[in-house]
Amino acid sequence: MLDALTFQRAAHLLHLKGMKRVARVVTRLGRHLFAAHLAPETTIGAGTELGYGGIGIIIHGQARLGRDVLVSPGVVIGGRSGLPGAPVIGDRVKIGAGAKILGPITIGAGAFIGANAVVINDVREGEVVVGVPARPIARKLKVLDGSG
């Protein structure tokens, strides 16, 4: 399937081979087709998926995404004014639509980022964060015993 991530992976390979100008052209084409900016320098792990083909997603060139990450539409994974660096996203992280993950922070493996959350601090492994600014919430699981 042709999507923004396919363009980013091609641009990333070109970037690694020293063909930086061609990588930028591929990135620009992906931006026009999907309204997404996925920098060719960004490392994105295997199994990672972009919701709806990556529409409206922006990922900083210094960001790192682990394996099997789900990035929903409208997500920004970017820098933060005055702070060098970009987010590092662990494996199996789920990022809700419209979320913003900003600055040199780390999102632990298996974390859940709620829709439209603005994350400016580290998120621990398996934690669920929501809100502006994002704060952890307790996970309440309902156990069904089959009796009705």
Protein backbone atom coordinates (compact mmCIF):
# COMPACT_ATOMS: atom_id res chain seq x y z
CA MET A 1 0.00 0.00 0.00
CA LEU A 2 1.28 3.43 -0.91
CA ASP A 3 1.19 5.73 2.12
CA ALA A 4 3.25 8.41 3.87
CA LEU A 5 5.30 5.79 5.74
CA THR A 6 6.34 4.13 2.46
CA PHE A 7 7.66 7.49 1.24
CA GLN A 8 9.47 8.06 4.56
CA ARG A 9 11.12 4.63 4.49
CA ALA A 10 12.33 5.24 0.92
CA ALA A 11 13.62 8.71 1.86
CA HIS A 12 15.33 7.29 4.97
CA LEU A 13 17.21 4.69 2.89
CA LEU A 14 18.28 7.38 0.43
CA HIS A 15 19.40 9.57 3.34
CA LEU A 16 21.48 6.73 4.82
CA LYS A 17 23.15 6.20 1.41
CA GLY A 18 24.18 9.87 1.32
CA MET A 19 21.61 10.88 -1.28
CA LYS A 20 20.19 13.66 0.87
CA ARG A 21 18.80 15.83 -1.94
CA VAL A 22 16.88 12.94 -3.48
CA ALA A 23 15.64 12.01 0.00
CA ARG A 24 14.29 15.55 0.42
CA VAL A 25 12.47 15.33 -2.93
CA VAL A 26 10.80 12.07 -1.87
CA THR A 27 9.87 13.65 1.48
CA ARG A 28 8.36 16.66 -0.28
CA LEU A 29 6.32 14.41 -2.59
CA GLY A 30 4.98 12.52 0.46
CA ARG A 31 4.11 15.83 2.10
CA HIS A 32 2.05 16.93 -0.89
CA LEU A 33 0.27 13.60 -1.30
CA PHE A 34 -0.57 12.97 2.37
CA ALA A 35 -0.31 16.39 4.08
CA ALA A 36 2.31 14.77 6.29
CA HIS A 37 5.93 15.62 7.06
CA LEU A 38 8.04 12.62 7.99
CA ALA A 39 11.68 13.68 7.94
CA PRO A 40 14.07 11.32 6.13
CA GLU A 41 16.45 11.39 9.14
CA THR A 42 13.82 9.92 11.46
CA THR A 43 14.27 6.30 12.52
CA ILE A 44 10.96 4.43 12.55
CA GLY A 45 10.84 0.82 13.79
CA ALA A 46 9.39 -2.16 11.97
CA GLY A 47 5.67 -2.77 12.34
CA THR A 48 4.91 0.88 13.03
CA GLU A 49 1.67 2.08 11.44
CA LEU A 50 0.30 5.50 10.56
CA GLY A 51 -3.47 5.78 10.84
CA TYR A 52 -5.31 6.60 7.59
CA GLY A 53 -2.07 6.50 5.63
CA GLY A 54 -0.40 9.20 7.71
CA ILE A 55 -2.69 12.14 6.95
CA GLY A 56 -1.65 15.25 8.89
CA ILE A 57 1.22 13.62 10.81
CA ILE A 58 4.42 15.57 11.51
CA ILE A 59 7.53 13.83 12.86
CA HIS A 60 10.74 15.69 13.73
CA GLY A 61 13.98 14.58 12.07
CA GLN A 62 15.63 13.73 15.41
CA ALA A 63 12.66 11.75 16.73
CA ARG A 64 12.99 7.98 17.16
CA LEU A 65 10.02 5.62 17.03
CA GLY A 66 10.21 2.02 18.23
CA ARG A 67 8.62 -1.09 16.80
CA ASP A 68 4.86 -1.62 16.44
CA VAL A 69 3.91 1.98 17.27
CA LEU A 70 0.49 3.26 16.17
CA VAL A 71 0.46 6.95 15.21
CA SER A 72 -3.05 8.29 14.58
CA PRO A 73 -3.90 11.15 12.17
CA GLY A 74 -3.01 14.72 13.11
CA VAL A 75 -0.22 13.75 15.52
CA VAL A 76 2.85 15.97 15.98
CA ILE A 77 6.05 14.43 17.33
CA GLY A 78 8.34 17.41 17.42
CA GLY A 79 10.78 19.68 19.11
CA ARG A 80 10.09 22.32 21.69
CA SER A 81 11.31 25.89 21.48
CA GLY A 82 14.53 26.44 23.40
CA LEU A 83 15.14 22.75 24.09
CA PRO A 84 17.47 20.71 21.86
CA GLY A 85 16.35 17.23 20.82
CA ALA A 86 13.15 15.41 20.00
CA PRO A 87 10.99 12.63 21.48
CA VAL A 88 12.03 9.01 21.71
CA ILE A 89 9.00 6.70 21.46
CA GLY A 90 9.28 3.16 22.82
CA ASP A 91 7.90 -0.06 21.33
CA ARG A 92 4.14 -0.78 21.18
CA VAL A 93 3.10 2.79 22.02
CA LYS A 94 -0.39 3.91 20.90
CA ILE A 95 -0.78 7.61 20.11
CA GLY A 96 -4.33 9.01 19.79
CA ALA A 97 -5.52 11.41 17.09
CA GLY A 98 -4.30 14.97 17.36
CA ALA A 99 -1.82 14.30 20.17
CA LYS A 100 1.29 16.46 20.45
CA ILE A 101 4.50 14.97 21.87
CA LEU A 102 7.04 17.76 22.21
CA GLY A 103 10.65 18.15 23.25
CA PRO A 104 13.47 15.84 24.32
CA ILE A 105 11.28 13.38 26.22
CA THR A 106 10.94 9.61 26.36
CA ILE A 107 7.70 7.67 25.98
CA GLY A 108 8.06 4.22 27.58
CA ALA A 109 7.15 0.96 25.88
CA GLY A 110 3.46 0.08 25.86
CA ALA A 111 2.30 3.59 26.83
CA PHE A 112 -1.00 5.06 25.64
CA ILE A 113 -1.22 8.74 24.66
CA GLY A 114 -4.82 10.01 24.62
CA ALA A 115 -6.37 11.92 21.72
CA ASN A 116 -5.40 15.61 21.69
CA ALA A 117 -3.05 15.17 24.67
CA VAL A 118 -0.07 17.55 24.84
CA VAL A 119 2.87 15.57 26.23
CA ILE A 120 5.84 17.63 27.46
CA ASN A 121 7.18 15.26 30.14
CA ASP A 122 8.44 11.67 30.10
CA VAL A 123 5.82 8.92 30.15
CA ARG A 124 6.61 5.69 32.00
CA GLU A 125 6.29 2.26 30.47
CA GLY A 126 2.65 1.14 30.19
CA GLU A 127 1.30 4.46 31.48
CA VAL A 128 -1.84 6.13 30.07
CA VAL A 129 -1.70 9.93 29.75
CA VAL A 130 -4.44 12.38 28.74
CA GLY A 131 -5.11 16.10 28.81
CA VAL A 132 -3.35 19.42 28.34
CA PRO A 133 -0.73 19.17 29.66
CA ALA A 134 -0.86 15.37 29.66
CA ARG A 135 -1.16 13.67 33.05
CA PRO A 136 -1.29 9.97 33.92
CA ILE A 137 -4.62 8.39 34.73
CA ALA A 138 -5.40 5.18 36.56
CA ARG A 139 -6.38 2.30 34.34
CA LYS A 140 -9.62 0.71 35.52
CA LEU A 141 -10.30 -2.63 33.96
CA LYS A 142 -13.71 -4.20 34.26
CA VAL A 143 -13.49 -7.92 34.85
CA LEU A 144 -16.27 -9.95 33.31
CA ASP A 145 -17.01 -13.23 35.06
CA GLY A 146 -19.50 -14.49 32.48
CA SER A 147 -22.50 -14.36 34.84
CA GLY A 148 -24.22 -11.62 33.07
